[in-house]
N, C-alpha and C. Protein backbone atom coordinates (compact mmCIF):
# COMPACT_ATOMS: atom_id res chain seq x y z
N UNK A 1 121.04 -187.72 -107.62
CA UNK A 1 122.27 -188.24 -107.07
C UNK A 1 122.86 -188.89 -107.93
N UNK A 2 124.29 -188.98 -107.61
CA UNK A 2 125.13 -189.81 -108.64
C UNK A 2 125.04 -191.47 -107.99
N UNK A 3 125.59 -192.14 -108.94
CA UNK A 3 125.33 -193.62 -108.39
C UNK A 3 126.39 -193.71 -107.19
N UNK A 4 127.46 -193.11 -107.18
CA UNK A 4 128.38 -193.16 -105.94
C UNK A 4 127.79 -192.94 -104.79
N UNK A 5 127.07 -191.79 -104.69
CA UNK A 5 126.39 -191.09 -103.59
C UNK A 5 125.46 -191.95 -103.15
N UNK A 6 124.70 -192.74 -104.00
CA UNK A 6 123.58 -193.63 -103.74
C UNK A 6 124.33 -194.54 -103.13
N UNK A 7 125.23 -195.28 -103.47
CA UNK A 7 125.91 -196.61 -103.20
C UNK A 7 126.15 -196.39 -101.50
N UNK A 8 126.95 -195.17 -101.74
CA UNK A 8 127.62 -194.84 -100.02
C UNK A 8 126.28 -194.29 -99.04
N UNK A 9 125.38 -193.84 -99.49
CA UNK A 9 124.20 -193.68 -98.87
C UNK A 9 123.29 -195.11 -98.33
N UNK A 10 123.33 -195.98 -99.15
CA UNK A 10 122.43 -197.00 -99.11
C UNK A 10 123.46 -198.09 -98.10
N UNK A 11 124.88 -198.19 -98.39
CA UNK A 11 125.65 -198.98 -97.58
C UNK A 11 125.85 -198.28 -96.08
N UNK A 12 125.89 -197.17 -95.86
CA UNK A 12 125.65 -196.70 -94.57
C UNK A 12 124.53 -196.91 -93.75
N UNK A 13 123.39 -196.98 -94.55
CA UNK A 13 122.08 -197.11 -93.85
C UNK A 13 122.12 -198.75 -93.57
N UNK A 14 122.43 -199.12 -94.55
CA UNK A 14 122.70 -200.81 -94.08
C UNK A 14 123.58 -201.08 -92.76
N UNK A 15 124.66 -200.44 -92.69
CA UNK A 15 125.64 -200.58 -91.66
C UNK A 15 125.06 -200.12 -90.45
N UNK A 16 124.02 -198.85 -90.52
CA UNK A 16 123.37 -198.41 -89.52
C UNK A 16 122.30 -199.59 -89.01
N UNK A 17 122.12 -200.15 -89.63
CA UNK A 17 120.66 -200.92 -89.31
C UNK A 17 121.32 -202.27 -89.07
N UNK A 18 122.54 -202.52 -88.45
CA UNK A 18 122.96 -203.45 -88.06
C UNK A 18 123.00 -204.74 -89.03
N UNK A 19 123.31 -204.13 -90.40
CA UNK A 19 123.11 -205.16 -91.42
C UNK A 19 121.87 -205.86 -91.39
N UNK A 20 120.75 -205.49 -91.26
CA UNK A 20 119.55 -205.95 -91.72
C UNK A 20 119.39 -206.40 -92.99
N UNK A 21 118.81 -207.46 -93.33
CA UNK A 21 118.55 -208.40 -94.45
C UNK A 21 118.04 -207.27 -95.48
N UNK A 22 116.99 -206.43 -95.18
CA UNK A 22 116.22 -205.58 -96.14
C UNK A 22 117.12 -204.64 -96.73
N UNK A 23 118.08 -203.98 -95.87
CA UNK A 23 119.00 -203.07 -96.51
C UNK A 23 119.85 -203.73 -96.97
N UNK A 24 120.32 -204.94 -96.89
CA UNK A 24 121.17 -205.57 -97.91
C UNK A 24 120.66 -206.04 -99.25
N UNK A 25 119.43 -206.30 -99.32
CA UNK A 25 118.72 -206.45 -100.58
C UNK A 25 118.92 -205.26 -101.23
N UNK A 26 118.37 -204.02 -100.77
CA UNK A 26 118.40 -202.74 -101.26
C UNK A 26 120.04 -202.42 -101.86
N UNK A 27 120.71 -202.68 -100.92
CA UNK A 27 122.11 -202.26 -101.49
C UNK A 27 122.44 -203.44 -102.61
N UNK A 28 122.27 -204.41 -102.35
CA UNK A 28 122.35 -205.45 -103.74
C UNK A 28 121.68 -204.87 -104.98
N UNK A 29 120.48 -204.24 -104.68
CA UNK A 29 119.93 -203.72 -105.93
C UNK A 29 120.71 -202.59 -106.77
N UNK A 30 121.11 -201.94 -105.60
CA UNK A 30 121.81 -200.75 -106.03
C UNK A 30 123.04 -201.11 -107.00
N UNK A 31 123.53 -201.99 -106.44
CA UNK A 31 124.92 -202.34 -107.05
C UNK A 31 124.66 -203.48 -108.31
N UNK A 32 123.44 -203.91 -108.60
CA UNK A 32 122.97 -204.74 -109.75
C UNK A 32 122.91 -203.68 -110.52
N UNK A 33 122.12 -202.66 -110.47
CA UNK A 33 121.89 -201.47 -111.38
C UNK A 33 122.75 -200.45 -111.51
N UNK A 34 123.83 -200.86 -111.93
CA UNK A 34 125.18 -199.79 -111.93
C UNK A 34 125.04 -199.43 -113.42
N UNK A 35 125.34 -198.06 -113.38
CA UNK A 35 125.40 -197.18 -114.93
C UNK A 35 126.32 -197.86 -115.47
N UNK A 36 126.41 -197.70 -117.07
CA UNK A 36 127.42 -198.18 -117.64
C UNK A 36 127.50 -197.07 -119.07
N UNK A 37 128.43 -196.85 -119.51
CA UNK A 37 128.64 -195.87 -120.75
C UNK A 37 127.99 -196.52 -122.05
N UNK A 38 127.21 -196.15 -122.79
CA UNK A 38 126.69 -196.44 -123.87
C UNK A 38 127.51 -196.49 -125.13
N UNK A 39 127.73 -197.38 -125.91
CA UNK A 39 128.44 -197.55 -127.00
C UNK A 39 128.52 -196.52 -128.05
N UNK A 40 127.50 -195.81 -128.01
CA UNK A 40 127.45 -194.28 -128.85
C UNK A 40 128.13 -193.15 -128.04
N UNK A 41 128.63 -192.27 -128.70
CA UNK A 41 129.51 -191.44 -128.05
C UNK A 41 128.32 -190.22 -127.92
N UNK A 42 127.43 -190.13 -126.87
CA UNK A 42 126.55 -189.47 -126.55
C UNK A 42 126.94 -189.03 -125.05
N UNK A 43 127.34 -187.94 -124.72
CA UNK A 43 127.61 -187.52 -123.36
C UNK A 43 126.15 -187.56 -122.61
N UNK A 44 126.36 -187.85 -121.25
CA UNK A 44 125.27 -187.60 -120.23
C UNK A 44 124.20 -188.66 -120.55
N UNK A 45 124.57 -189.48 -121.28
CA UNK A 45 123.31 -190.87 -121.38
C UNK A 45 124.18 -192.10 -120.74
N UNK A 46 123.53 -192.84 -119.87
CA UNK A 46 124.14 -194.08 -119.44
C UNK A 46 122.83 -195.02 -119.59
N UNK A 47 123.68 -196.32 -119.72
CA UNK A 47 122.68 -197.40 -119.71
C UNK A 47 122.52 -198.32 -118.18
N UNK A 48 121.75 -199.10 -117.84
CA UNK A 48 121.70 -199.63 -116.72
C UNK A 48 122.13 -201.05 -116.85
N UNK A 49 123.21 -202.08 -115.93
CA UNK A 49 123.59 -203.14 -116.33
C UNK A 49 122.66 -204.08 -115.93
N UNK A 50 121.74 -203.73 -114.81
CA UNK A 50 120.82 -204.43 -114.27
C UNK A 50 119.69 -205.02 -115.26
N UNK A 51 119.12 -204.04 -115.84
CA UNK A 51 117.88 -204.26 -116.56
C UNK A 51 118.04 -203.84 -118.19
N UNK A 52 118.92 -203.07 -118.39
CA UNK A 52 119.27 -202.60 -119.75
C UNK A 52 118.50 -201.38 -120.05
N UNK A 53 117.80 -200.91 -119.17
CA UNK A 53 117.23 -199.52 -119.49
C UNK A 53 118.14 -198.33 -119.44
N UNK A 54 117.57 -197.03 -119.73
CA UNK A 54 118.78 -196.20 -119.67
C UNK A 54 118.69 -195.47 -118.09
N UNK A 55 119.83 -195.21 -117.67
CA UNK A 55 119.82 -194.94 -116.29
C UNK A 55 119.61 -193.65 -116.07
N UNK A 56 119.03 -193.28 -115.02
CA UNK A 56 118.68 -193.99 -113.89
C UNK A 56 117.22 -194.73 -114.33
N UNK A 57 117.29 -196.10 -114.05
CA UNK A 57 116.13 -196.88 -114.39
C UNK A 57 115.15 -196.68 -113.26
N UNK A 58 113.94 -197.29 -113.46
CA UNK A 58 112.94 -197.10 -112.58
C UNK A 58 113.35 -197.69 -111.26
N UNK A 59 113.90 -198.78 -111.28
CA UNK A 59 114.28 -199.31 -109.86
C UNK A 59 115.04 -198.04 -108.94
N UNK A 60 116.31 -197.75 -109.63
CA UNK A 60 117.07 -196.55 -109.10
C UNK A 60 116.21 -195.62 -108.84
N UNK A 61 115.11 -195.00 -109.58
CA UNK A 61 114.40 -193.75 -109.23
C UNK A 61 113.53 -194.19 -108.20
N UNK A 62 113.02 -195.17 -107.84
CA UNK A 62 112.14 -195.65 -106.82
C UNK A 62 113.06 -195.45 -105.45
N UNK A 63 114.11 -196.22 -105.49
CA UNK A 63 115.14 -196.17 -104.41
C UNK A 63 115.49 -194.84 -103.93
N UNK A 64 115.92 -194.09 -104.89
CA UNK A 64 116.32 -192.68 -104.50
C UNK A 64 115.20 -192.01 -104.04
N UNK A 65 113.99 -192.20 -104.51
CA UNK A 65 112.56 -191.37 -104.17
C UNK A 65 112.41 -191.63 -102.68
N UNK A 66 112.46 -192.91 -102.00
CA UNK A 66 112.53 -193.46 -101.02
C UNK A 66 113.44 -192.84 -99.98
N UNK A 67 114.53 -192.72 -100.17
CA UNK A 67 115.63 -192.18 -99.34
C UNK A 67 115.72 -190.57 -99.04
N UNK A 68 114.81 -190.02 -100.03
CA UNK A 68 114.79 -188.66 -99.89
C UNK A 68 114.02 -187.94 -98.81
């Protein structure tokens, strides 16, 4: 799942839940752990702004796993 797809899915679930606090926190986590291009010119590798690990990081992997 791409980052944009994940954002759209979590945002939709947040709105569908009448903006519950728990979905808002998950949405904030997804926005925090946004991928960024690494300074090296290596295709298909991204870093995570939230934790500095490779994207998808463990946080994003857990969120994606629970949404499937």
